[in-house]
Amino acid sequence: MTSIHNAIPDPGDADRPEPRGRFMPWIVLAIILLFATYTRLAGLGVPSLWLDELSTWTVSQMNLGESLGWAP
């Protein structure tokens, strides 16, 4: 036989925050942002990156005929 007192939730439970649920999304977001920042800045000093950017800018300043003949 079930007592009616077992079916009524304890009102004190409603005021207690979840132990991990409240802060977990912020922790995951912080980890993702730190990883993204690291991967973006890790190769910033590599000369080949800057040479690639310079060649892209150079080709973008040419007309179509010149840019097609420049690559080979």
PDB file of N, CA and C in Angstrom:
ATOM      1  N   MET A   1       0.830  -1.165   0.000  1.00  0.00           N
ATOM      2  CA  MET A   1       0.000   0.000   0.000  1.00  0.00           C
ATOM      3  C   MET A   1       0.887   1.245   0.000  1.00  0.00           C
ATOM      4  N   THR A   2       0.511   2.223  -0.795  1.00  0.00           N
ATOM      5  CA  THR A   2       1.293   3.442  -0.936  1.00  0.00           C
ATOM      6  C   THR A   2       0.676   4.553  -0.107  1.00  0.00           C
ATOM      7  N   SER A   3       1.517   5.256   0.578  1.00  0.00           N
ATOM      8  CA  SER A   3       1.048   6.380   1.382  1.00  0.00           C
ATOM      9  C   SER A   3       0.992   7.628   0.511  1.00  0.00           C
ATOM     10  N   ILE A   4       0.083   8.506   0.800  1.00  0.00           N
ATOM     11  CA  ILE A   4      -0.048   9.749   0.030  1.00  0.00           C
ATOM     12  C   ILE A   4       1.151  10.665   0.254  1.00  0.00           C
ATOM     13  N   HIS A   5       1.839  10.517   1.349  1.00  0.00           N
ATOM     14  CA  HIS A   5       3.001  11.366   1.633  1.00  0.00           C
ATOM     15  C   HIS A   5       4.161  11.062   0.692  1.00  0.00           C
ATOM     16  N   ASN A   6       4.229   9.866   0.154  1.00  0.00           N
ATOM     17  CA  ASN A   6       5.293   9.516  -0.782  1.00  0.00           C
ATOM     18  C   ASN A   6       5.057  10.125  -2.167  1.00  0.00           C
ATOM     19  N   ALA A   7       3.822  10.443  -2.500  1.00  0.00           N
ATOM     20  CA  ALA A   7       3.494  10.976  -3.818  1.00  0.00           C
ATOM     21  C   ALA A   7       3.693  12.486  -3.904  1.00  0.00           C
ATOM     22  N   ILE A   8       3.728  13.170  -2.781  1.00  0.00           N
ATOM     23  CA  ILE A   8       3.888  14.630  -2.770  1.00  0.00           C
ATOM     24  C   ILE A   8       5.379  14.950  -2.711  1.00  0.00           C
ATOM     25  N   PRO A   9       5.893  15.739  -3.675  1.00  0.00           N
ATOM     26  CA  PRO A   9       7.320  16.068  -3.655  1.00  0.00           C
ATOM     27  C   PRO A   9       7.657  16.990  -2.495  1.00  0.00           C
ATOM     28  N   ASP A  10       8.873  16.894  -2.032  1.00  0.00           N
ATOM     29  CA  ASP A  10       9.355  17.743  -0.949  1.00  0.00           C
ATOM     30  C   ASP A  10       9.583  19.151  -1.497  1.00  0.00           C
ATOM     31  N   PRO A  11       8.946  20.183  -0.936  1.00  0.00           N
ATOM     32  CA  PRO A  11       9.125  21.548  -1.456  1.00  0.00           C
ATOM     33  C   PRO A  11      10.543  22.071  -1.287  1.00  0.00           C
ATOM     34  N   GLY A  12      11.310  21.508  -0.396  1.00  0.00           N
ATOM     35  CA  GLY A  12      12.694  21.941  -0.215  1.00  0.00           C
ATOM     36  C   GLY A  12      13.572  21.572  -1.394  1.00  0.00           C
ATOM     37  N   ASP A  13      13.185  20.569  -2.188  1.00  0.00           N
ATOM     38  CA  ASP A  13      13.967  20.158  -3.355  1.00  0.00           C
ATOM     39  C   ASP A  13      13.937  21.195  -4.465  1.00  0.00           C
ATOM     40  N   ALA A  14      12.899  21.994  -4.536  1.00  0.00           N
ATOM     41  CA  ALA A  14      12.761  22.965  -5.627  1.00  0.00           C
ATOM     42  C   ALA A  14      13.781  24.099  -5.519  1.00  0.00           C
ATOM     43  N   ASP A  15      14.221  24.426  -4.316  1.00  0.00           N
ATOM     44  CA  ASP A  15      15.143  25.539  -4.122  1.00  0.00           C
ATOM     45  C   ASP A  15      16.601  25.146  -4.323  1.00  0.00           C
ATOM     46  N   ARG A  16      16.898  23.874  -4.351  1.00  0.00           N
ATOM     47  CA  ARG A  16      18.281  23.429  -4.499  1.00  0.00           C
ATOM     48  C   ARG A  16      18.689  23.469  -5.970  1.00  0.00           C
ATOM     49  N   PRO A  17      19.830  24.111  -6.276  1.00  0.00           N
ATOM     50  CA  PRO A  17      20.299  24.110  -7.670  1.00  0.00           C
ATOM     51  C   PRO A  17      20.875  22.745  -8.019  1.00  0.00           C
ATOM     52  N   GLU A  18      20.914  22.473  -9.316  1.00  0.00           N
ATOM     53  CA  GLU A  18      21.530  21.239  -9.778  1.00  0.00           C
ATOM     54  C   GLU A  18      23.024  21.330  -9.526  1.00  0.00           C
ATOM     55  N   PRO A  19      23.650  20.258  -9.114  1.00  0.00           N
ATOM     56  CA  PRO A  19      25.062  20.343  -8.750  1.00  0.00           C
ATOM     57  C   PRO A  19      25.992  20.694  -9.911  1.00  0.00           C
ATOM     58  N   ARG A  20      25.792  20.124 -11.094  1.00  0.00           N
ATOM     59  CA  ARG A  20      26.674  20.402 -12.230  1.00  0.00           C
ATOM     60  C   ARG A  20      25.960  21.092 -13.371  1.00  0.00           C
ATOM     61  N   GLY A  21      24.671  20.921 -13.485  1.00  0.00           N
ATOM     62  CA  GLY A  21      23.923  21.371 -14.648  1.00  0.00           C
ATOM     63  C   GLY A  21      23.966  22.862 -14.901  1.00  0.00           C
ATOM     64  N   ARG A  22      24.081  23.664 -13.884  1.00  0.00           N
ATOM     65  CA  ARG A  22      24.032  25.108 -14.056  1.00  0.00           C
ATOM     66  C   ARG A  22      25.314  25.655 -14.676  1.00  0.00           C
ATOM     67  N   PHE A  23      26.476  25.124 -14.302  1.00  0.00           N
ATOM     68  CA  PHE A  23      27.748  25.679 -14.759  1.00  0.00           C
ATOM     69  C   PHE A  23      28.373  24.890 -15.903  1.00  0.00           C
ATOM     70  N   MET A  24      27.868  23.732 -16.209  1.00  0.00           N
ATOM     71  CA  MET A  24      28.476  22.880 -17.240  1.00  0.00           C
ATOM     72  C   MET A  24      28.498  23.541 -18.619  1.00  0.00           C
ATOM     73  N   PRO A  25      27.444  24.197 -19.098  1.00  0.00           N
ATOM     74  CA  PRO A  25      27.533  24.837 -20.428  1.00  0.00           C
ATOM     75  C   PRO A  25      28.602  25.917 -20.495  1.00  0.00           C
ATOM     76  N   TRP A  26      28.817  26.662 -19.417  1.00  0.00           N
ATOM     77  CA  TRP A  26      29.839  27.710 -19.414  1.00  0.00           C
ATOM     78  C   TRP A  26      31.238  27.121 -19.461  1.00  0.00           C
ATOM     79  N   ILE A  27      31.423  25.996 -18.803  1.00  0.00           N
ATOM     80  CA  ILE A  27      32.728  25.333 -18.830  1.00  0.00           C
ATOM     81  C   ILE A  27      33.013  24.804 -20.228  1.00  0.00           C
ATOM     82  N   VAL A  28      32.035  24.183 -20.848  1.00  0.00           N
ATOM     83  CA  VAL A  28      32.202  23.654 -22.201  1.00  0.00           C
ATOM     84  C   VAL A  28      32.466  24.798 -23.181  1.00  0.00           C
ATOM     85  N   LEU A  29      31.744  25.889 -23.058  1.00  0.00           N
ATOM     86  CA  LEU A  29      31.956  27.045 -23.930  1.00  0.00           C
ATOM     87  C   LEU A  29      33.352  27.619 -23.756  1.00  0.00           C
ATOM     88  N   ALA A  30      33.822  27.721 -22.526  1.00  0.00           N
ATOM     89  CA  ALA A  30      35.166  28.241 -22.275  1.00  0.00           C
ATOM     90  C   ALA A  30      36.233  27.343 -22.889  1.00  0.00           C
ATOM     91  N   ILE A  31      36.052  26.033 -22.785  1.00  0.00           N
ATOM     92  CA  ILE A  31      37.019  25.096 -23.369  1.00  0.00           C
ATOM     93  C   ILE A  31      37.033  25.228 -24.888  1.00  0.00           C
ATOM     94  N   ILE A  32      35.871  25.344 -25.501  1.00  0.00           N
ATOM     95  CA  ILE A  32      35.793  25.494 -26.957  1.00  0.00           C
ATOM     96  C   ILE A  32      36.454  26.790 -27.407  1.00  0.00           C
ATOM     97  N   LEU A  33      36.198  27.877 -26.700  1.00  0.00           N
ATOM     98  CA  LEU A  33      36.798  29.158 -27.074  1.00  0.00           C
ATOM     99  C   LEU A  33      38.313  29.157 -26.897  1.00  0.00           C
ATOM    100  N   LEU A  34      38.804  28.534 -25.839  1.00  0.00           N
ATOM    101  CA  LEU A  34      40.250  28.444 -25.651  1.00  0.00           C
ATOM    102  C   LEU A  34      40.906  27.602 -26.742  1.00  0.00           C
ATOM    103  N   PHE A  35      40.277  26.500 -27.112  1.00  0.00           N
ATOM    104  CA  PHE A  35      40.810  25.658 -28.173  1.00  0.00           C
ATOM    105  C   PHE A  35      40.789  26.390 -29.507  1.00  0.00           C
ATOM    106  N   ALA A  36      39.708  27.104 -29.800  1.00  0.00           N
ATOM    107  CA  ALA A  36      39.613  27.846 -31.058  1.00  0.00           C
ATOM    108  C   ALA A  36      40.655  28.957 -31.120  1.00  0.00           C
ATOM    109  N   THR A  37      40.872  29.643 -30.004  1.00  0.00           N
ATOM    110  CA  THR A  37      41.881  30.703 -29.961  1.00  0.00           C
ATOM    111  C   THR A  37      43.272  30.123 -30.174  1.00  0.00           C
ATOM    112  N   TYR A  38      43.545  29.005 -29.533  1.00  0.00           N
ATOM    113  CA  TYR A  38      44.854  28.370 -29.697  1.00  0.00           C
ATOM    114  C   TYR A  38      45.094  27.944 -31.147  1.00  0.00           C
ATOM    115  N   THR A  39      44.105  27.302 -31.753  1.00  0.00           N
ATOM    116  CA  THR A  39      44.296  26.841 -33.131  1.00  0.00           C
ATOM    117  C   THR A  39      44.421  28.000 -34.103  1.00  0.00           C
ATOM    118  N   ARG A  40      43.782  29.118 -33.813  1.00  0.00           N
ATOM    119  CA  ARG A  40      43.877  30.292 -34.697  1.00  0.00           C
ATOM    120  C   ARG A  40      45.233  30.973 -34.578  1.00  0.00           C
ATOM    121  N   LEU A  41      45.772  31.054 -33.362  1.00  0.00           N
ATOM    122  CA  LEU A  41      47.002  31.799 -33.136  1.00  0.00           C
ATOM    123  C   LEU A  41      48.258  30.936 -33.223  1.00  0.00           C
ATOM    124  N   ALA A  42      48.115  29.622 -33.246  1.00  0.00           N
ATOM    125  CA  ALA A  42      49.278  28.734 -33.186  1.00  0.00           C
ATOM    126  C   ALA A  42      50.224  28.934 -34.374  1.00  0.00           C
ATOM    127  N   GLY A  43      49.733  29.075 -35.579  1.00  0.00           N
ATOM    128  CA  GLY A  43      50.590  29.192 -36.750  1.00  0.00           C
ATOM    129  C   GLY A  43      50.721  30.597 -37.284  1.00  0.00           C
ATOM    130  N   LEU A  44      50.421  31.585 -36.476  1.00  0.00           N
ATOM    131  CA  LEU A  44      50.406  32.965 -36.957  1.00  0.00           C
ATOM    132  C   LEU A  44      51.786  33.468 -37.366  1.00  0.00           C
ATOM    133  N   GLY A  45      52.831  32.959 -36.752  1.00  0.00           N
ATOM    134  CA  GLY A  45      54.173  33.425 -37.076  1.00  0.00           C
ATOM    135  C   GLY A  45      54.855  32.662 -38.196  1.00  0.00           C
ATOM    136  N   VAL A  46      54.182  31.697 -38.784  1.00  0.00           N
ATOM    137  CA  VAL A  46      54.778  30.884 -39.842  1.00  0.00           C
ATOM    138  C   VAL A  46      54.887  31.719 -41.124  1.00  0.00           C
ATOM    139  N   PRO A  47      56.083  31.829 -41.718  1.00  0.00           N
ATOM    140  CA  PRO A  47      56.252  32.655 -42.915  1.00  0.00           C
ATOM    141  C   PRO A  47      55.413  32.195 -44.097  1.00  0.00           C
ATOM    142  N   SER A  48      55.191  30.888 -44.240  1.00  0.00           N
ATOM    143  CA  SER A  48      54.425  30.420 -45.393  1.00  0.00           C
ATOM    144  C   SER A  48      52.993  30.953 -45.370  1.00  0.00           C
ATOM    145  N   LEU A  49      52.455  31.174 -44.171  1.00  0.00           N
ATOM    146  CA  LEU A  49      51.118  31.755 -44.067  1.00  0.00           C
ATOM    147  C   LEU A  49      51.096  33.160 -44.650  1.00  0.00           C
ATOM    148  N   TRP A  50      52.092  33.955 -44.321  1.00  0.00           N
ATOM    149  CA  TRP A  50      52.143  35.330 -44.815  1.00  0.00           C
ATOM    150  C   TRP A  50      52.432  35.369 -46.307  1.00  0.00           C
ATOM    151  N   LEU A  51      53.240  34.443 -46.811  1.00  0.00           N
ATOM    152  CA  LEU A  51      53.501  34.391 -48.251  1.00  0.00           C
ATOM    153  C   LEU A  51      52.230  34.019 -49.013  1.00  0.00           C
ATOM    154  N   ASP A  52      51.440  33.122 -48.442  1.00  0.00           N
ATOM    155  CA  ASP A  52      50.176  32.752 -49.065  1.00  0.00           C
ATOM    156  C   ASP A  52      49.227  33.946 -49.110  1.00  0.00           C
ATOM    157  N   GLU A  53      49.147  34.693 -48.023  1.00  0.00           N
ATOM    158  CA  GLU A  53      48.287  35.882 -47.995  1.00  0.00           C
ATOM    159  C   GLU A  53      48.767  36.925 -49.004  1.00  0.00           C
ATOM    160  N   LEU A  54      50.067  37.103 -49.106  1.00  0.00           N
ATOM    161  CA  LEU A  54      50.618  38.080 -50.054  1.00  0.00           C
ATOM    162  C   LEU A  54      50.339  37.662 -51.493  1.00  0.00           C
ATOM    163  N   SER A  55      50.495  36.371 -51.800  1.00  0.00           N
ATOM    164  CA  SER A  55      50.223  35.930 -53.166  1.00  0.00           C
ATOM    165  C   SER A  55      48.734  36.033 -53.497  1.00  0.00           C
ATOM    166  N   THR A  56      47.874  35.762 -52.533  1.00  0.00           N
ATOM    167  CA  THR A  56      46.437  35.916 -52.755  1.00  0.00           C
ATOM    168  C   THR A  56      46.086  37.370 -53.039  1.00  0.00           C
ATOM    169  N   TRP A  57      46.677  38.292 -52.287  1.00  0.00           N
ATOM    170  CA  TRP A  57      46.420  39.714 -52.499  1.00  0.00           C
ATOM    171  C   TRP A  57      46.942  40.149 -53.873  1.00  0.00           C
ATOM    172  N   THR A  58      48.113  39.644 -54.269  1.00  0.00           N
ATOM    173  CA  THR A  58      48.698  40.006 -55.565  1.00  0.00           C
ATOM    174  C   THR A  58      47.797  39.558 -56.714  1.00  0.00           C
ATOM    175  N   VAL A  59      47.324  38.315 -56.644  1.00  0.00           N
ATOM    176  CA  VAL A  59      46.466  37.785 -57.707  1.00  0.00           C
ATOM    177  C   VAL A  59      45.127  38.514 -57.722  1.00  0.00           C
ATOM    178  N   SER A  60      44.629  38.924 -56.568  1.00  0.00           N
ATOM    179  CA  SER A  60      43.336  39.623 -56.536  1.00  0.00           C
ATOM    180  C   SER A  60      43.411  41.003 -57.186  1.00  0.00           C
ATOM    181  N   GLN A  61      44.605  41.569 -57.307  1.00  0.00           N
ATOM    182  CA  GLN A  61      44.770  42.877 -57.932  1.00  0.00           C
ATOM    183  C   GLN A  61      44.881  42.783 -59.455  1.00  0.00           C
ATOM    184  N   MET A  62      45.067  41.569 -59.988  1.00  0.00           N
ATOM    185  CA  MET A  62      45.212  41.378 -61.428  1.00  0.00           C
ATOM    186  C   MET A  62      43.844  41.223 -62.094  1.00  0.00           C
ATOM    187  N   ASN A  63      43.810  41.440 -63.417  1.00  0.00           N
ATOM    188  CA  ASN A  63      42.576  41.122 -64.135  1.00  0.00           C
ATOM    189  C   ASN A  63      42.533  39.612 -64.369  1.00  0.00           C
ATOM    190  N   LEU A  64      41.420  39.107 -64.887  1.00  0.00           N
ATOM    191  CA  LEU A  64      41.215  37.667 -64.990  1.00  0.00           C
ATOM    192  C   LEU A  64      42.257  36.989 -65.875  1.00  0.00           C
ATOM    193  N   GLY A  65      42.569  37.570 -66.997  1.00  0.00           N
ATOM    194  CA  GLY A  65      43.549  36.961 -67.908  1.00  0.00           C
ATOM    195  C   GLY A  65      44.925  36.830 -67.272  1.00  0.00           C
ATOM    196  N   GLU A  66      45.363  37.881 -66.603  1.00  0.00           N
ATOM    197  CA  GLU A  66      46.663  37.832 -65.938  1.00  0.00           C
ATOM    198  C   GLU A  66      46.685  36.817 -64.797  1.00  0.00           C
ATOM    199  N   SER A  67      45.595  36.764 -64.037  1.00  0.00           N
ATOM    200  CA  SER A  67      45.574  35.864 -62.874  1.00  0.00           C
ATOM    201  C   SER A  67      45.573  34.398 -63.300  1.00  0.00           C
ATOM    202  N   LEU A  68      44.938  34.079 -64.453  1.00  0.00           N
ATOM    203  CA  LEU A  68      44.941  32.693 -64.928  1.00  0.00           C
ATOM    204  C   LEU A  68      46.337  32.290 -65.426  1.00  0.00           C
ATOM    205  N   GLY A  69      47.080  33.207 -65.974  1.00  0.00           N
ATOM    206  CA  GLY A  69      48.416  32.896 -66.457  1.00  0.00           C
ATOM    207  C   GLY A  69      49.482  32.993 -65.377  1.00  0.00           C
ATOM    208  N   TRP A  70      49.185  33.568 -64.252  1.00  0.00           N
ATOM    209  CA  TRP A  70      50.170  33.773 -63.184  1.00  0.00           C
ATOM    210  C   TRP A  70      50.466  32.498 -62.406  1.00  0.00           C
ATOM    211  N   ALA A  71      49.498  31.645 -62.200  1.00  0.00           N
ATOM    212  CA  ALA A  71      49.644  30.464 -61.320  1.00  0.00           C
ATOM    213  C   ALA A  71      50.694  29.472 -61.818  1.00  0.00           C
ATOM    214  N   PRO A  72      50.720  29.092 -63.092  1.00  0.00           N
ATOM    215  CA  PRO A  72      51.722  28.097 -63.503  1.00  0.00           C
ATOM    216  C   PRO A  72      53.116  28.668 -63.398  1.00  0.00           C
TER     217      PRO A  72
END
